[in-house]
Amino acid sequence: MRISQNTRDLWAVQYRDCAAEPIDLDSDRARFILHTHAAHGGGCLPYLAAMAYSFGTEV
């Protein structure tokens, strides 16, 4: 699925805080979060939540 620039910008703002766990994940949002938070390490809650979501679904 192709995500529009406006959507990416919105998600960048919504998921910028590494201390806030996202609650409204779907496969596109999980991929976006994994990409944008990849280098943040194990203390980054969005990355951990997106990884857990990805392992729990067939993408």
PDB file of N, CA and C in Angstrom:
ATOM      1  N   MET A   1       0.844  -1.177   0.000  1.00  0.00           N
ATOM      2  CA  MET A   1       0.000   0.000   0.000  1.00  0.00           C
ATOM      3  C   MET A   1       0.889   1.240   0.000  1.00  0.00           C
ATOM      4  N   ARG A   2       0.521   2.216  -0.775  1.00  0.00           N
ATOM      5  CA  ARG A   2       1.261   3.474  -0.845  1.00  0.00           C
ATOM      6  C   ARG A   2       0.609   4.477   0.108  1.00  0.00           C
ATOM      7  N   ILE A   3       1.422   5.044   0.989  1.00  0.00           N
ATOM      8  CA  ILE A   3       0.944   5.998   1.983  1.00  0.00           C
ATOM      9  C   ILE A   3       1.256   7.406   1.489  1.00  0.00           C
ATOM     10  N   SER A   4       0.277   8.298   1.583  1.00  0.00           N
ATOM     11  CA  SER A   4       0.472   9.671   1.118  1.00  0.00           C
ATOM     12  C   SER A   4       1.433  10.429   2.036  1.00  0.00           C
ATOM     13  N   GLN A   5       2.036  11.476   1.507  1.00  0.00           N
ATOM     14  CA  GLN A   5       2.950  12.306   2.290  1.00  0.00           C
ATOM     15  C   GLN A   5       2.231  12.922   3.487  1.00  0.00           C
ATOM     16  N   ASN A   6       0.984  13.330   3.301  1.00  0.00           N
ATOM     17  CA  ASN A   6       0.217  13.904   4.408  1.00  0.00           C
ATOM     18  C   ASN A   6       0.030  12.902   5.544  1.00  0.00           C
ATOM     19  N   THR A   7      -0.247  11.669   5.192  1.00  0.00           N
ATOM     20  CA  THR A   7      -0.414  10.624   6.197  1.00  0.00           C
ATOM     21  C   THR A   7       0.898  10.354   6.912  1.00  0.00           C
ATOM     22  N   ARG A   8       1.996  10.272   6.154  1.00  0.00           N
ATOM     23  CA  ARG A   8       3.311  10.062   6.777  1.00  0.00           C
ATOM     24  C   ARG A   8       3.652  11.200   7.731  1.00  0.00           C
ATOM     25  N   ASP A   9       3.356  12.431   7.322  1.00  0.00           N
ATOM     26  CA  ASP A   9       3.616  13.580   8.195  1.00  0.00           C
ATOM     27  C   ASP A   9       2.788  13.498   9.475  1.00  0.00           C
ATOM     28  N   LEU A  10       1.522  13.120   9.343  1.00  0.00           N
ATOM     29  CA  LEU A  10       0.654  12.979  10.511  1.00  0.00           C
ATOM     30  C   LEU A  10       1.182  11.901  11.449  1.00  0.00           C
ATOM     31  N   TRP A  11       1.543  10.744  10.901  1.00  0.00           N
ATOM     32  CA  TRP A  11       2.070   9.661  11.720  1.00  0.00           C
ATOM     33  C   TRP A  11       3.391  10.051  12.368  1.00  0.00           C
ATOM     34  N   ALA A  12       4.228  10.804  11.678  1.00  0.00           N
ATOM     35  CA  ALA A  12       5.502  11.246  12.250  1.00  0.00           C
ATOM     36  C   ALA A  12       5.269  12.069  13.509  1.00  0.00           C
ATOM     37  N   VAL A  13       4.225  12.878  13.502  1.00  0.00           N
ATOM     38  CA  VAL A  13       3.892  13.685  14.683  1.00  0.00           C
ATOM     39  C   VAL A  13       3.261  12.808  15.766  1.00  0.00           C
ATOM     40  N   GLN A  14       2.346  11.937  15.380  1.00  0.00           N
ATOM     41  CA  GLN A  14       1.635  11.101  16.357  1.00  0.00           C
ATOM     42  C   GLN A  14       2.562  10.123  17.072  1.00  0.00           C
ATOM     43  N   TYR A  15       3.566   9.605  16.380  1.00  0.00           N
ATOM     44  CA  TYR A  15       4.404   8.537  16.929  1.00  0.00           C
ATOM     45  C   TYR A  15       5.833   8.987  17.198  1.00  0.00           C
ATOM     46  N   ARG A  16       6.041  10.267  17.452  1.00  0.00           N
ATOM     47  CA  ARG A  16       7.407  10.765  17.635  1.00  0.00           C
ATOM     48  C   ARG A  16       7.970  10.491  19.022  1.00  0.00           C
ATOM     49  N   ASP A  17       7.131  10.305  20.016  1.00  0.00           N
ATOM     50  CA  ASP A  17       7.566  10.159  21.406  1.00  0.00           C
ATOM     51  C   ASP A  17       7.903   8.700  21.717  1.00  0.00           C
ATOM     52  N   CYS A  18       9.168   8.443  22.022  1.00  0.00           N
ATOM     53  CA  CYS A  18       9.606   7.079  22.322  1.00  0.00           C
ATOM     54  C   CYS A  18       9.092   6.566  23.667  1.00  0.00           C
ATOM     55  N   ALA A  19       8.515   7.435  24.475  1.00  0.00           N
ATOM     56  CA  ALA A  19       7.995   7.013  25.776  1.00  0.00           C
ATOM     57  C   ALA A  19       6.498   6.702  25.737  1.00  0.00           C
ATOM     58  N   ALA A  20       5.856   6.913  24.585  1.00  0.00           N
ATOM     59  CA  ALA A  20       4.409   6.693  24.468  1.00  0.00           C
ATOM     60  C   ALA A  20       4.139   5.480  23.579  1.00  0.00           C
ATOM     61  N   GLU A  21       3.468   4.493  24.152  1.00  0.00           N
ATOM     62  CA  GLU A  21       3.146   3.290  23.385  1.00  0.00           C
ATOM     63  C   GLU A  21       1.953   3.557  22.469  1.00  0.00           C
ATOM     64  N   PRO A  22       2.075   3.248  21.180  1.00  0.00           N
ATOM     65  CA  PRO A  22       0.939   3.439  20.273  1.00  0.00           C
ATOM     66  C   PRO A  22      -0.141   2.400  20.539  1.00  0.00           C
ATOM     67  N   ILE A  23      -1.399   2.818  20.424  1.00  0.00           N
ATOM     68  CA  ILE A  23      -2.497   1.888  20.716  1.00  0.00           C
ATOM     69  C   ILE A  23      -3.337   1.562  19.480  1.00  0.00           C
ATOM     70  N   ASP A  24      -3.118   2.266  18.391  1.00  0.00           N
ATOM     71  CA  ASP A  24      -3.975   2.098  17.211  1.00  0.00           C
ATOM     72  C   ASP A  24      -3.196   1.549  16.020  1.00  0.00           C
ATOM     73  N   LEU A  25      -2.448   0.478  16.236  1.00  0.00           N
ATOM     74  CA  LEU A  25      -1.591  -0.046  15.179  1.00  0.00           C
ATOM     75  C   LEU A  25      -2.355  -0.867  14.155  1.00  0.00           C
ATOM     76  N   ASP A  26      -1.907  -0.762  12.927  1.00  0.00           N
ATOM     77  CA  ASP A  26      -2.263  -1.677  11.859  1.00  0.00           C
ATOM     78  C   ASP A  26      -0.957  -1.985  11.140  1.00  0.00           C
ATOM     79  N   SER A  27      -0.979  -2.810  10.122  1.00  0.00           N
ATOM     80  CA  SER A  27       0.281  -3.230   9.504  1.00  0.00           C
ATOM     81  C   SER A  27       1.038  -2.074   8.853  1.00  0.00           C
ATOM     82  N   ASP A  28       0.337  -1.114   8.241  1.00  0.00           N
ATOM     83  CA  ASP A  28       1.017   0.026   7.628  1.00  0.00           C
ATOM     84  C   ASP A  28       1.667   0.919   8.679  1.00  0.00           C
ATOM     85  N   ARG A  29       0.965   1.173   9.751  1.00  0.00           N
ATOM     86  CA  ARG A  29       1.528   2.013  10.824  1.00  0.00           C
ATOM     87  C   ARG A  29       2.687   1.306  11.504  1.00  0.00           C
ATOM     88  N   ALA A  30       2.567   0.007  11.709  1.00  0.00           N
ATOM     89  CA  ALA A  30       3.665  -0.744  12.323  1.00  0.00           C
ATOM     90  C   ALA A  30       4.913  -0.669  11.451  1.00  0.00           C
ATOM     91  N   ARG A  31       4.772  -0.834  10.147  1.00  0.00           N
ATOM     92  CA  ARG A  31       5.931  -0.723   9.246  1.00  0.00           C
ATOM     93  C   ARG A  31       6.539   0.664   9.301  1.00  0.00           C
ATOM     94  N   PHE A  32       5.700   1.693   9.324  1.00  0.00           N
ATOM     95  CA  PHE A  32       6.182   3.064   9.402  1.00  0.00           C
ATOM     96  C   PHE A  32       6.980   3.276  10.687  1.00  0.00           C
ATOM     97  N   ILE A  33       6.434   2.825  11.804  1.00  0.00           N
ATOM     98  CA  ILE A  33       7.099   2.996  13.095  1.00  0.00           C
ATOM     99  C   ILE A  33       8.412   2.216  13.128  1.00  0.00           C
ATOM    100  N   LEU A  34       8.406   1.000  12.621  1.00  0.00           N
ATOM    101  CA  LEU A  34       9.638   0.213  12.592  1.00  0.00           C
ATOM    102  C   LEU A  34      10.724   0.928  11.796  1.00  0.00           C
ATOM    103  N   HIS A  35      10.338   1.536  10.710  1.00  0.00           N
ATOM    104  CA  HIS A  35      11.305   2.257   9.880  1.00  0.00           C
ATOM    105  C   HIS A  35      11.822   3.517  10.578  1.00  0.00           C
ATOM    106  N   THR A  36      10.942   4.294  11.167  1.00  0.00           N
ATOM    107  CA  THR A  36      11.352   5.583  11.728  1.00  0.00           C
ATOM    108  C   THR A  36      12.018   5.462  13.095  1.00  0.00           C
ATOM    109  N   HIS A  37      11.757   4.387  13.840  1.00  0.00           N
ATOM    110  CA  HIS A  37      12.327   4.237  15.180  1.00  0.00           C
ATOM    111  C   HIS A  37      13.378   3.129  15.247  1.00  0.00           C
ATOM    112  N   ALA A  38      13.844   2.642  14.112  1.00  0.00           N
ATOM    113  CA  ALA A  38      14.731   1.480  14.063  1.00  0.00           C
ATOM    114  C   ALA A  38      16.014   1.636  14.878  1.00  0.00           C
ATOM    115  N   ALA A  39      16.597   2.799  14.926  1.00  0.00           N
ATOM    116  CA  ALA A  39      17.888   2.983  15.600  1.00  0.00           C
ATOM    117  C   ALA A  39      17.742   3.463  17.046  1.00  0.00           C
ATOM    118  N   HIS A  40      16.546   3.454  17.590  1.00  0.00           N
ATOM    119  CA  HIS A  40      16.328   4.028  18.908  1.00  0.00           C
ATOM    120  C   HIS A  40      16.618   3.072  20.054  1.00  0.00           C
ATOM    121  N   GLY A  41      16.708   1.810  19.807  1.00  0.00           N
ATOM    122  CA  GLY A  41      17.042   0.858  20.859  1.00  0.00           C
ATOM    123  C   GLY A  41      15.829   0.289  21.573  1.00  0.00           C
ATOM    124  N   GLY A  42      16.109  -0.562  22.554  1.00  0.00           N
ATOM    125  CA  GLY A  42      15.072  -1.303  23.259  1.00  0.00           C
ATOM    126  C   GLY A  42      14.198  -0.491  24.196  1.00  0.00           C
ATOM    127  N   GLY A  43      14.558   0.749  24.473  1.00  0.00           N
ATOM    128  CA  GLY A  43      13.739   1.583  25.340  1.00  0.00           C
ATOM    129  C   GLY A  43      12.676   2.367  24.603  1.00  0.00           C
ATOM    130  N   CYS A  44      12.594   2.190  23.304  1.00  0.00           N
ATOM    131  CA  CYS A  44      11.642   2.930  22.468  1.00  0.00           C
ATOM    132  C   CYS A  44      10.329   2.138  22.389  1.00  0.00           C
ATOM    133  N   LEU A  45       9.318   2.621  23.100  1.00  0.00           N
ATOM    134  CA  LEU A  45       8.042   1.886  23.167  1.00  0.00           C
ATOM    135  C   LEU A  45       7.340   1.754  21.818  1.00  0.00           C
ATOM    136  N   PRO A  46       7.328   2.784  20.958  1.00  0.00           N
ATOM    137  CA  PRO A  46       6.694   2.593  19.654  1.00  0.00           C
ATOM    138  C   PRO A  46       7.358   1.474  18.842  1.00  0.00           C
ATOM    139  N   TYR A  47       8.676   1.412  18.887  1.00  0.00           N
ATOM    140  CA  TYR A  47       9.387   0.367  18.155  1.00  0.00           C
ATOM    141  C   TYR A  47       9.039  -1.018  18.703  1.00  0.00           C
ATOM    142  N   LEU A  48       9.053  -1.157  20.016  1.00  0.00           N
ATOM    143  CA  LEU A  48       8.734  -2.446  20.622  1.00  0.00           C
ATOM    144  C   LEU A  48       7.298  -2.869  20.324  1.00  0.00           C
ATOM    145  N   ALA A  49       6.360  -1.921  20.393  1.00  0.00           N
ATOM    146  CA  ALA A  49       4.960  -2.233  20.105  1.00  0.00           C
ATOM    147  C   ALA A  49       4.773  -2.626  18.640  1.00  0.00           C
ATOM    148  N   ALA A  50       5.435  -1.911  17.745  1.00  0.00           N
ATOM    149  CA  ALA A  50       5.325  -2.233  16.319  1.00  0.00           C
ATOM    150  C   ALA A  50       5.948  -3.584  16.012  1.00  0.00           C
ATOM    151  N   MET A  51       7.062  -3.897  16.668  1.00  0.00           N
ATOM    152  CA  MET A  51       7.705  -5.200  16.474  1.00  0.00           C
ATOM    153  C   MET A  51       6.782  -6.313  16.975  1.00  0.00           C
ATOM    154  N   ALA A  52       6.202  -6.126  18.152  1.00  0.00           N
ATOM    155  CA  ALA A  52       5.286  -7.129  18.702  1.00  0.00           C
ATOM    156  C   ALA A  52       4.069  -7.295  17.797  1.00  0.00           C
ATOM    157  N   TYR A  53       3.531  -6.195  17.296  1.00  0.00           N
ATOM    158  CA  TYR A  53       2.392  -6.265  16.391  1.00  0.00           C
ATOM    159  C   TYR A  53       2.767  -7.036  15.125  1.00  0.00           C
ATOM    160  N   SER A  54       3.943  -6.747  14.586  1.00  0.00           N
ATOM    161  CA  SER A  54       4.385  -7.400  13.351  1.00  0.00           C
ATOM    162  C   SER A  54       4.562  -8.901  13.532  1.00  0.00           C
ATOM    163  N   PHE A  55       5.067  -9.311  14.686  1.00  0.00           N
ATOM    164  CA  PHE A  55       5.245 -10.735  14.936  1.00  0.00           C
ATOM    165  C   PHE A  55       3.917 -11.438  15.179  1.00  0.00           C
ATOM    166  N   GLY A  56       2.899 -10.682  15.588  1.00  0.00           N
ATOM    167  CA  GLY A  56       1.599 -11.271  15.881  1.00  0.00           C
ATOM    168  C   GLY A  56       0.653 -11.318  14.699  1.00  0.00           C
ATOM    169  N   THR A  57       1.060 -10.763  13.557  1.00  0.00           N
ATOM    170  CA  THR A  57       0.205 -10.752  12.378  1.00  0.00           C
ATOM    171  C   THR A  57       0.969 -11.258  11.167  1.00  0.00           C
ATOM    172  N   GLU A  58       0.251 -11.721  10.197  1.00  0.00           N
ATOM    173  CA  GLU A  58       0.866 -12.097   8.927  1.00  0.00           C
ATOM    174  C   GLU A  58       0.832 -10.883   8.026  1.00  0.00           C
ATOM    175  N   VAL A  59       2.003 -10.391   7.663  1.00  0.00           N
ATOM    176  CA  VAL A  59       2.088  -9.184   6.837  1.00  0.00           C
ATOM    177  C   VAL A  59       2.320  -9.554   5.404  1.00  0.00           C
TER     178      VAL A  59
END
